[in-house]
Amino acid sequence: MKSYIPVLSIAGSDSSGGAGIQADLKTFSALGCYGMTVITATTAQNTMGVRGIHSIPIDHIESQFDAVLSDIPPKAIKIGMLDRPEVVELLASKLKGLEIPIVFDPVMVATSGDRLIQEETIESIKEKLFPLVSLITPNLDETEILCGFKVQSLSDMKKAAAFLQFYIPNSVLIKGGHLETEVIQDLLVMKEGDEVMYENAKIKSSNVHGTGCSLSSAIAAELAKGSDLQLAVTKARNYIYQAILLGKSVKTGQGNGPLNHFFNPQNQIIYEME
């Protein structure tokens, strides 16, 4: 019997629909996967900023996880916003021993600049969760928080990747979208130490809310479908490029609008990655 390719998102909810769980589900669907969720927190936010965060009780997070895994085992897992050390500890115990790709986007700062994570959670993530995941995908702000030093160039990104691989025995994708350059440069360092540099032209758009969430969930979807890591990142980045390009003229809200997750494939422009 034919079945969907199930992918699980463990993350926070964005009430405005542009990031978090909502962006993950849209991405999974757009890429032909069946999305499931474990919600760790809800946020009251819109395109202009975050107004509040409500933590989901730990026992209910565990119940969500157990309910999904006992019935629909995922082919890959994407992890996003984890706001407390207790959530990290719970997930570390649940994920240990799972032999599927796990992509962790360490969401710490919203597009609006709002901080989304408790300070004491960071060390817990590095110690207990990083060793269990296949790939982490921090942006430059998150990389600086994790490493404790400024990351303002490609050489800084390489230094940061080496620092992070002390904690994570697998792969690191540092997203360089905030660099003051003409192109976007993302650095993938594989667990074996091989480096892959991805570049594409920058798109002038204010509709980039949820870009990081969508990229990590796209990578998880492509891994679930059978791509190796380098190909999964290539496909995911191309999808995000199209979603930004074909959503830059869409007006949603008064601030940072979302991507166009369901762009018409007939309109897409294939951008070959290096």
C-alpha atoms as a PDB file:
ATOM      1  CA  MET A   1       0.000   0.000   0.000  1.00  0.00           C
ATOM      2  CA  LYS A   2       1.277   3.451  -0.919  1.00  0.00           C
ATOM      3  CA  SER A   3       2.116   5.736   2.014  1.00  0.00           C
ATOM      4  CA  TYR A   4       3.348   9.260   2.607  1.00  0.00           C
ATOM      5  CA  ILE A   5       6.910  10.070   3.661  1.00  0.00           C
ATOM      6  CA  PRO A   6       6.456  11.183   7.294  1.00  0.00           C
ATOM      7  CA  VAL A   7       8.653  13.941   8.733  1.00  0.00           C
ATOM      8  CA  LEU A   8       8.396  15.257  12.301  1.00  0.00           C
ATOM      9  CA  SER A   9       8.918  18.843  13.425  1.00  0.00           C
ATOM     10  CA  ILE A  10       9.691  19.501  17.093  1.00  0.00           C
ATOM     11  CA  ALA A  11       9.446  23.264  17.447  1.00  0.00           C
ATOM     12  CA  GLY A  12       7.480  26.294  18.587  1.00  0.00           C
ATOM     13  CA  SER A  13       4.286  27.641  17.049  1.00  0.00           C
ATOM     14  CA  ASP A  14       4.176  31.001  15.241  1.00  0.00           C
ATOM     15  CA  SER A  15       0.709  32.522  15.531  1.00  0.00           C
ATOM     16  CA  SER A  16       1.298  34.600  12.374  1.00  0.00           C
ATOM     17  CA  GLY A  17       1.982  31.449  10.330  1.00  0.00           C
ATOM     18  CA  GLY A  18       5.324  32.467   8.848  1.00  0.00           C
ATOM     19  CA  ALA A  19       7.864  30.568  10.921  1.00  0.00           C
ATOM     20  CA  GLY A  20       8.133  27.700  13.400  1.00  0.00           C
ATOM     21  CA  ILE A  21       5.776  24.751  13.196  1.00  0.00           C
ATOM     22  CA  GLN A  22       3.604  26.463  10.588  1.00  0.00           C
ATOM     23  CA  ALA A  23       6.526  27.083   8.223  1.00  0.00           C
ATOM     24  CA  ASP A  24       7.735  23.518   8.732  1.00  0.00           C
ATOM     25  CA  LEU A  25       4.375  22.005   7.821  1.00  0.00           C
ATOM     26  CA  LYS A  26       4.092  24.179   4.716  1.00  0.00           C
ATOM     27  CA  THR A  27       7.600  23.172   3.646  1.00  0.00           C
ATOM     28  CA  PHE A  28       6.998  19.457   4.226  1.00  0.00           C
ATOM     29  CA  SER A  29       3.802  19.630   2.189  1.00  0.00           C
ATOM     30  CA  ALA A  30       5.389  21.627  -0.634  1.00  0.00           C
ATOM     31  CA  LEU A  31       8.142  19.012  -0.910  1.00  0.00           C
ATOM     32  CA  GLY A  32       5.803  16.046  -0.936  1.00  0.00           C
ATOM     33  CA  CYS A  33       6.132  14.850   2.648  1.00  0.00           C
ATOM     34  CA  TYR A  34       3.629  14.246   5.440  1.00  0.00           C
ATOM     35  CA  GLY A  35       4.259  16.634   8.322  1.00  0.00           C
ATOM     36  CA  MET A  36       3.750  15.858  12.004  1.00  0.00           C
ATOM     37  CA  THR A  37       4.452  18.024  15.034  1.00  0.00           C
ATOM     38  CA  VAL A  38       5.526  18.147  18.641  1.00  0.00           C
ATOM     39  CA  ILE A  39       4.882  21.706  19.815  1.00  0.00           C
ATOM     40  CA  THR A  40       7.307  22.905  22.494  1.00  0.00           C
ATOM     41  CA  ALA A  41       5.922  26.427  22.957  1.00  0.00           C
ATOM     42  CA  THR A  42       3.414  28.826  21.484  1.00  0.00           C
ATOM     43  CA  THR A  43       4.237  32.404  20.602  1.00  0.00           C
ATOM     44  CA  ALA A  44       2.051  35.455  20.267  1.00  0.00           C
ATOM     45  CA  GLN A  45       3.654  37.181  17.308  1.00  0.00           C
ATOM     46  CA  ASN A  46       3.060  38.814  13.968  1.00  0.00           C
ATOM     47  CA  THR A  47       5.250  40.110  11.164  1.00  0.00           C
ATOM     48  CA  MET A  48       6.480  42.967  13.380  1.00  0.00           C
ATOM     49  CA  GLY A  49       7.648  41.019  16.414  1.00  0.00           C
ATOM     50  CA  VAL A  50       7.107  38.589  19.263  1.00  0.00           C
ATOM     51  CA  ARG A  51       4.698  39.676  21.985  1.00  0.00           C
ATOM     52  CA  GLY A  52       4.855  36.648  24.224  1.00  0.00           C
ATOM     53  CA  ILE A  53       5.975  33.040  24.618  1.00  0.00           C
ATOM     54  CA  HIS A  54       4.004  30.322  26.414  1.00  0.00           C
ATOM     55  CA  SER A  55       5.862  27.135  27.311  1.00  0.00           C
ATOM     56  CA  ILE A  56       4.030  23.848  26.810  1.00  0.00           C
ATOM     57  CA  PRO A  57       4.146  21.597  29.923  1.00  0.00           C
ATOM     58  CA  ILE A  58       6.882  18.974  29.734  1.00  0.00           C
ATOM     59  CA  ASP A  59       4.519  16.046  30.242  1.00  0.00           C
ATOM     60  CA  HIS A  60       2.405  17.193  27.305  1.00  0.00           C
ATOM     61  CA  ILE A  61       5.474  17.547  25.063  1.00  0.00           C
ATOM     62  CA  GLU A  62       6.365  13.974  25.963  1.00  0.00           C
ATOM     63  CA  SER A  63       2.813  12.811  25.267  1.00  0.00           C
ATOM     64  CA  GLN A  64       2.885  14.422  21.812  1.00  0.00           C
ATOM     65  CA  PHE A  65       6.193  12.740  20.996  1.00  0.00           C
ATOM     66  CA  ASP A  66       5.113   9.303  22.221  1.00  0.00           C
ATOM     67  CA  ALA A  67       1.763   9.507  20.411  1.00  0.00           C
ATOM     68  CA  VAL A  68       3.390  10.285  17.073  1.00  0.00           C
ATOM     69  CA  LEU A  69       6.315   7.866  17.306  1.00  0.00           C
ATOM     70  CA  SER A  70       4.124   4.949  18.410  1.00  0.00           C
ATOM     71  CA  ASP A  71       1.917   5.252  15.324  1.00  0.00           C
ATOM     72  CA  ILE A  72       3.747   7.038  12.488  1.00  0.00           C
ATOM     73  CA  PRO A  73       7.543   6.643  12.775  1.00  0.00           C
ATOM     74  CA  PRO A  74       9.170   9.547  10.925  1.00  0.00           C
ATOM     75  CA  LYS A  75      11.816   9.158   8.234  1.00  0.00           C
ATOM     76  CA  ALA A  76      13.526  12.330   9.504  1.00  0.00           C
ATOM     77  CA  ILE A  77      13.157  14.856  12.318  1.00  0.00           C
ATOM     78  CA  LYS A  78      13.592  18.626  12.295  1.00  0.00           C
ATOM     79  CA  ILE A  79      14.101  20.403  15.645  1.00  0.00           C
ATOM     80  CA  GLY A  80      13.515  24.118  16.093  1.00  0.00           C
ATOM     81  CA  MET A  81      12.737  26.281  19.105  1.00  0.00           C
ATOM     82  CA  LEU A  82      13.551  24.742  22.493  1.00  0.00           C
ATOM     83  CA  ASP A  83      12.993  27.339  25.180  1.00  0.00           C
ATOM     84  CA  ARG A  84      14.002  25.494  28.386  1.00  0.00           C
ATOM     85  CA  PRO A  85      16.682  23.066  29.604  1.00  0.00           C
ATOM     86  CA  GLU A  86      13.924  20.634  30.632  1.00  0.00           C
ATOM     87  CA  VAL A  87      12.786  20.323  27.017  1.00  0.00           C
ATOM     88  CA  VAL A  88      16.361  19.664  25.908  1.00  0.00           C
ATOM     89  CA  GLU A  89      16.764  16.935  28.532  1.00  0.00           C
ATOM     90  CA  LEU A  90      13.488  15.300  27.536  1.00  0.00           C
ATOM     91  CA  LEU A  91      14.388  15.266  23.845  1.00  0.00           C
ATOM     92  CA  ALA A  92      17.878  13.957  24.543  1.00  0.00           C
ATOM     93  CA  SER A  93      16.336  10.949  26.290  1.00  0.00           C
ATOM     94  CA  LYS A  94      13.777  10.406  23.515  1.00  0.00           C
ATOM     95  CA  LEU A  95      16.101  10.810  20.540  1.00  0.00           C
ATOM     96  CA  LYS A  96      18.917   8.636  21.837  1.00  0.00           C
ATOM     97  CA  GLY A  97      19.188   5.522  19.692  1.00  0.00           C
ATOM     98  CA  LEU A  98      16.986   6.742  16.833  1.00  0.00           C
ATOM     99  CA  GLU A  99      18.713   5.866  13.564  1.00  0.00           C
ATOM    100  CA  ILE A 100      17.157   8.530  11.334  1.00  0.00           C
ATOM    101  CA  PRO A 101      18.427  11.942  10.141  1.00  0.00           C
ATOM    102  CA  ILE A 102      17.885  14.713  12.688  1.00  0.00           C
ATOM    103  CA  VAL A 103      18.286  18.338  11.585  1.00  0.00           C
ATOM    104  CA  PHE A 104      18.509  20.904  14.383  1.00  0.00           C
ATOM    105  CA  ASP A 105      17.946  24.586  13.656  1.00  0.00           C
ATOM    106  CA  PRO A 106      18.953  26.194  16.983  1.00  0.00           C
ATOM    107  CA  VAL A 107      16.352  28.965  16.929  1.00  0.00           C
ATOM    108  CA  MET A 108      17.458  31.668  19.358  1.00  0.00           C
ATOM    109  CA  VAL A 109      16.642  35.011  17.736  1.00  0.00           C
ATOM    110  CA  ALA A 110      13.581  35.891  15.647  1.00  0.00           C
ATOM    111  CA  THR A 111      13.822  37.837  12.375  1.00  0.00           C
ATOM    112  CA  SER A 112      12.560  40.843  14.339  1.00  0.00           C
ATOM    113  CA  GLY A 113      15.527  40.563  16.724  1.00  0.00           C
ATOM    114  CA  ASP A 114      13.522  39.184  19.653  1.00  0.00           C
ATOM    115  CA  ARG A 115      15.361  36.638  21.836  1.00  0.00           C
ATOM    116  CA  LEU A 116      13.511  33.316  21.948  1.00  0.00           C
ATOM    117  CA  ILE A 117      15.589  31.151  24.267  1.00  0.00           C
ATOM    118  CA  GLN A 118      16.625  31.123  27.915  1.00  0.00           C
ATOM    119  CA  GLU A 119      20.352  31.635  28.484  1.00  0.00           C
ATOM    120  CA  GLU A 120      20.733  28.487  30.596  1.00  0.00           C
ATOM    121  CA  THR A 121      19.307  26.403  27.747  1.00  0.00           C
ATOM    122  CA  ILE A 122      22.279  26.981  25.454  1.00  0.00           C
ATOM    123  CA  GLU A 123      24.847  24.911  27.369  1.00  0.00           C
ATOM    124  CA  SER A 124      22.299  22.141  27.805  1.00  0.00           C
ATOM    125  CA  ILE A 125      21.748  22.052  24.043  1.00  0.00           C
ATOM    126  CA  LYS A 126      25.483  21.879  23.312  1.00  0.00           C
ATOM    127  CA  GLU A 127      26.132  19.183  25.888  1.00  0.00           C
ATOM    128  CA  LYS A 128      23.093  16.940  25.557  1.00  0.00           C
ATOM    129  CA  LEU A 129      21.472  17.443  22.156  1.00  0.00           C
ATOM    130  CA  PHE A 130      24.203  18.332  19.664  1.00  0.00           C
ATOM    131  CA  PRO A 131      25.865  14.884  19.959  1.00  0.00           C
ATOM    132  CA  LEU A 132      22.595  13.212  18.893  1.00  0.00           C
ATOM    133  CA  VAL A 133      21.791  15.153  15.717  1.00  0.00           C
ATOM    134  CA  SER A 134      22.971  14.769  12.125  1.00  0.00           C
ATOM    135  CA  LEU A 135      23.190  18.460  11.235  1.00  0.00           C
ATOM    136  CA  ILE A 136      22.856  21.846  12.899  1.00  0.00           C
ATOM    137  CA  THR A 137      21.927  24.948  10.859  1.00  0.00           C
ATOM    138  CA  PRO A 138      22.665  28.144  12.822  1.00  0.00           C
ATOM    139  CA  ASN A 139      22.607  31.597  11.238  1.00  0.00           C
ATOM    140  CA  LEU A 140      25.361  34.062  12.096  1.00  0.00           C
ATOM    141  CA  ASP A 141      23.579  35.512  15.157  1.00  0.00           C
ATOM    142  CA  GLU A 142      22.983  32.017  16.532  1.00  0.00           C
ATOM    143  CA  THR A 143      26.541  30.971  15.674  1.00  0.00           C
ATOM    144  CA  GLU A 144      27.906  33.895  17.687  1.00  0.00           C
ATOM    145  CA  ILE A 145      25.711  32.971  20.655  1.00  0.00           C
ATOM    146  CA  LEU A 146      26.828  29.327  20.488  1.00  0.00           C
ATOM    147  CA  CYS A 147      30.528  30.114  20.020  1.00  0.00           C
ATOM    148  CA  GLY A 148      30.902  33.239  22.123  1.00  0.00           C
ATOM    149  CA  PHE A 149      32.815  35.223  19.489  1.00  0.00           C
ATOM    150  CA  LYS A 150      32.006  37.444  16.517  1.00  0.00           C
ATOM    151  CA  VAL A 151      31.421  35.805  13.139  1.00  0.00           C
ATOM    152  CA  GLN A 152      31.785  38.424  10.417  1.00  0.00           C
ATOM    153  CA  SER A 153      33.619  36.708   7.563  1.00  0.00           C
ATOM    154  CA  LEU A 154      34.034  33.389   5.785  1.00  0.00           C
ATOM    155  CA  SER A 155      37.167  32.656   7.803  1.00  0.00           C
ATOM    156  CA  ASP A 156      35.187  33.320  10.985  1.00  0.00           C
ATOM    157  CA  MET A 157      32.529  30.876   9.758  1.00  0.00           C
ATOM    158  CA  LYS A 158      35.187  28.179   9.269  1.00  0.00           C
ATOM    159  CA  LYS A 159      36.570  28.845  12.741  1.00  0.00           C
ATOM    160  CA  ALA A 160      33.065  28.641  14.195  1.00  0.00           C
ATOM    161  CA  ALA A 161      32.311  25.370  12.401  1.00  0.00           C
ATOM    162  CA  ALA A 162      35.453  23.821  13.898  1.00  0.00           C
ATOM    163  CA  PHE A 163      34.415  25.081  17.337  1.00  0.00           C
ATOM    164  CA  LEU A 164      30.903  23.653  17.001  1.00  0.00           C
ATOM    165  CA  GLN A 165      32.132  20.282  15.788  1.00  0.00           C
ATOM    166  CA  PHE A 166      33.743  19.853  19.185  1.00  0.00           C
ATOM    167  CA  TYR A 167      30.171  19.389  20.450  1.00  0.00           C
ATOM    168  CA  ILE A 168      28.488  17.858  17.412  1.00  0.00           C
ATOM    169  CA  PRO A 169      30.263  14.832  15.919  1.00  0.00           C
ATOM    170  CA  ASN A 170      28.411  15.164  12.642  1.00  0.00           C
ATOM    171  CA  SER A 171      27.821  18.080  10.244  1.00  0.00           C
ATOM    172  CA  VAL A 172      27.392  21.855  10.544  1.00  0.00           C
ATOM    173  CA  LEU A 173      25.751  24.270   8.079  1.00  0.00           C
ATOM    174  CA  ILE A 174      26.497  27.890   8.977  1.00  0.00           C
ATOM    175  CA  LYS A 175      24.187  30.262   7.125  1.00  0.00           C
ATOM    176  CA  GLY A 176      25.935  33.449   6.039  1.00  0.00           C
ATOM    177  CA  GLY A 177      22.957  35.466   4.905  1.00  0.00           C
ATOM    178  CA  HIS A 178      23.814  38.306   7.293  1.00  0.00           C
ATOM    179  CA  LEU A 179      27.312  38.849   5.896  1.00  0.00           C
ATOM    180  CA  GLU A 180      27.880  42.192   4.166  1.00  0.00           C
ATOM    181  CA  THR A 181      28.542  40.595   0.791  1.00  0.00           C
ATOM    182  CA  GLU A 182      27.028  40.685  -2.701  1.00  0.00           C
ATOM    183  CA  VAL A 183      26.124  36.996  -2.492  1.00  0.00           C
ATOM    184  CA  ILE A 184      24.807  34.674   0.197  1.00  0.00           C
ATOM    185  CA  GLN A 185      27.482  32.246   1.342  1.00  0.00           C
ATOM    186  CA  ASP A 186      26.550  29.182   3.368  1.00  0.00           C
ATOM    187  CA  LEU A 187      29.260  26.845   4.661  1.00  0.00           C
ATOM    188  CA  LEU A 188      28.591  23.119   5.085  1.00  0.00           C
ATOM    189  CA  VAL A 189      31.271  21.209   6.988  1.00  0.00           C
ATOM    190  CA  MET A 190      30.712  17.467   6.823  1.00  0.00           C
ATOM    191  CA  LYS A 191      31.431  15.157   9.737  1.00  0.00           C
ATOM    192  CA  GLU A 192      34.530  13.894   7.882  1.00  0.00           C
ATOM    193  CA  GLY A 193      35.816  17.480   7.677  1.00  0.00           C
ATOM    194  CA  ASP A 194      35.040  18.120   4.001  1.00  0.00           C
ATOM    195  CA  GLU A 195      33.855  21.662   3.279  1.00  0.00           C
ATOM    196  CA  VAL A 196      31.156  22.612   0.776  1.00  0.00           C
ATOM    197  CA  MET A 197      30.556  26.270  -0.026  1.00  0.00           C
ATOM    198  CA  TYR A 198      27.147  27.270  -1.389  1.00  0.00           C
ATOM    199  CA  GLU A 199      26.617  30.646  -3.026  1.00  0.00           C
ATOM    200  CA  ASN A 200      23.689  32.413  -4.634  1.00  0.00           C
ATOM    201  CA  ALA A 201      22.720  35.974  -5.418  1.00  0.00           C
ATOM    202  CA  LYS A 202      21.031  37.982  -2.669  1.00  0.00           C
ATOM    203  CA  ILE A 203      17.371  38.804  -3.215  1.00  0.00           C
ATOM    204  CA  LYS A 204      16.155  42.179  -1.990  1.00  0.00           C
ATOM    205  CA  SER A 205      13.019  41.331  -0.035  1.00  0.00           C
ATOM    206  CA  SER A 206      11.425  42.069   3.315  1.00  0.00           C
ATOM    207  CA  ASN A 207       9.566  38.756   3.104  1.00  0.00           C
ATOM    208  CA  VAL A 208      12.124  36.536   4.805  1.00  0.00           C
ATOM    209  CA  HIS A 209      10.284  35.655   8.021  1.00  0.00           C
ATOM    210  CA  GLY A 210      10.774  31.947   8.657  1.00  0.00           C
ATOM    211  CA  THR A 211      13.652  31.446   6.211  1.00  0.00           C
ATOM    212  CA  GLY A 212      15.778  29.477   8.674  1.00  0.00           C
ATOM    213  CA  CYS A 213      12.882  27.305   9.833  1.00  0.00           C
ATOM    214  CA  SER A 214      11.919  26.560   6.245  1.00  0.00           C
ATOM    215  CA  LEU A 215      15.475  25.723   5.158  1.00  0.00           C
ATOM    216  CA  SER A 216      16.067  23.240   7.968  1.00  0.00           C
ATOM    217  CA  SER A 217      12.698  21.567   7.413  1.00  0.00           C
ATOM    218  CA  ALA A 218      13.401  21.401   3.665  1.00  0.00           C
ATOM    219  CA  ILE A 219      16.721  19.671   4.375  1.00  0.00           C
ATOM    220  CA  ALA A 220      14.941  17.202   6.676  1.00  0.00           C
ATOM    221  CA  ALA A 221      12.328  16.516   3.975  1.00  0.00           C
ATOM    222  CA  GLU A 222      14.971  15.871   1.334  1.00  0.00           C
ATOM    223  CA  LEU A 223      16.888  13.562   3.684  1.00  0.00           C
ATOM    224  CA  ALA A 224      13.652  11.683   4.394  1.00  0.00           C
ATOM    225  CA  LYS A 225      13.180  11.224   0.650  1.00  0.00           C
ATOM    226  CA  GLY A 226      16.595   9.612   0.360  1.00  0.00           C
ATOM    227  CA  SER A 227      19.039  12.344  -0.665  1.00  0.00           C
ATOM    228  CA  ASP A 228      22.495  12.382   0.870  1.00  0.00           C
ATOM    229  CA  LEU A 229      23.329  15.415   2.981  1.00  0.00           C
ATOM    230  CA  GLN A 230      25.101  17.491   0.342  1.00  0.00           C
ATOM    231  CA  LEU A 231      22.321  16.944  -2.197  1.00  0.00           C
ATOM    232  CA  ALA A 232      19.632  17.568   0.429  1.00  0.00           C
ATOM    233  CA  VAL A 233      21.189  20.937   1.292  1.00  0.00           C
ATOM    234  CA  THR A 234      21.478  21.828  -2.414  1.00  0.00           C
ATOM    235  CA  LYS A 235      17.825  20.977  -3.097  1.00  0.00           C
ATOM    236  CA  ALA A 236      16.630  22.719   0.066  1.00  0.00           C
ATOM    237  CA  ARG A 237      18.555  25.905  -0.699  1.00  0.00           C
ATOM    238  CA  ASN A 238      17.155  25.998  -4.226  1.00  0.00           C
ATOM    239  CA  TYR A 239      13.615  25.614  -2.847  1.00  0.00           C
ATOM    240  CA  ILE A 240      14.184  28.487  -0.389  1.00  0.00           C
ATOM    241  CA  TYR A 241      15.662  30.654  -3.151  1.00  0.00           C
ATOM    242  CA  GLN A 242      12.495  30.193  -5.207  1.00  0.00           C
ATOM    243  CA  ALA A 243      10.221  30.750  -2.218  1.00  0.00           C
ATOM    244  CA  ILE A 244      11.927  34.074  -1.472  1.00  0.00           C
ATOM    245  CA  LEU A 245      12.218  35.175  -5.105  1.00  0.00           C
ATOM    246  CA  LEU A 246       8.600  34.386  -5.951  1.00  0.00           C
ATOM    247  CA  GLY A 247       7.284  35.832  -2.702  1.00  0.00           C
ATOM    248  CA  LYS A 248       9.161  39.130  -2.571  1.00  0.00           C
ATOM    249  CA  SER A 249       6.239  41.094  -4.055  1.00  0.00           C
ATOM    250  CA  VAL A 250       3.526  39.531  -1.885  1.00  0.00           C
ATOM    251  CA  LYS A 251       2.250  41.788   0.885  1.00  0.00           C
ATOM    252  CA  THR A 252       1.475  39.978   4.143  1.00  0.00           C
ATOM    253  CA  GLY A 253       1.374  42.082   7.301  1.00  0.00           C
ATOM    254  CA  GLN A 254       3.175  45.318   8.065  1.00  0.00           C
ATOM    255  CA  GLY A 255       6.637  43.951   8.872  1.00  0.00           C
ATOM    256  CA  ASN A 256       8.757  40.972   7.886  1.00  0.00           C
ATOM    257  CA  GLY A 257       6.472  38.898   5.673  1.00  0.00           C
ATOM    258  CA  PRO A 258       6.710  35.139   5.061  1.00  0.00           C
ATOM    259  CA  LEU A 259       8.133  33.216   2.140  1.00  0.00           C
ATOM    260  CA  ASN A 260       5.972  31.920  -0.686  1.00  0.00           C
ATOM    261  CA  HIS A 261       6.112  28.250   0.315  1.00  0.00           C
ATOM    262  CA  PHE A 262       3.660  27.153  -2.357  1.00  0.00           C
ATOM    263  CA  PHE A 263       5.101  29.019  -5.341  1.00  0.00           C
ATOM    264  CA  ASN A 264       4.025  27.787  -8.770  1.00  0.00           C
ATOM    265  CA  PRO A 265       6.804  25.480 -10.049  1.00  0.00           C
ATOM    266  CA  GLN A 266       6.133  26.729 -13.591  1.00  0.00           C
ATOM    267  CA  ASN A 267       7.393  30.145 -12.501  1.00  0.00           C
ATOM    268  CA  GLN A 268      10.559  29.019 -10.789  1.00  0.00           C
ATOM    269  CA  ILE A 269      14.034  30.005 -11.922  1.00  0.00           C
ATOM    270  CA  ILE A 270      16.559  27.227 -11.409  1.00  0.00           C
ATOM    271  CA  TYR A 271      19.615  28.710  -9.728  1.00  0.00           C
ATOM    272  CA  GLU A 272      22.589  26.376 -10.053  1.00  0.00           C
ATOM    273  CA  MET A 273      24.567  26.107  -6.845  1.00  0.00           C
ATOM    274  CA  GLU A 274      28.330  25.710  -6.746  1.00  0.00           C
END
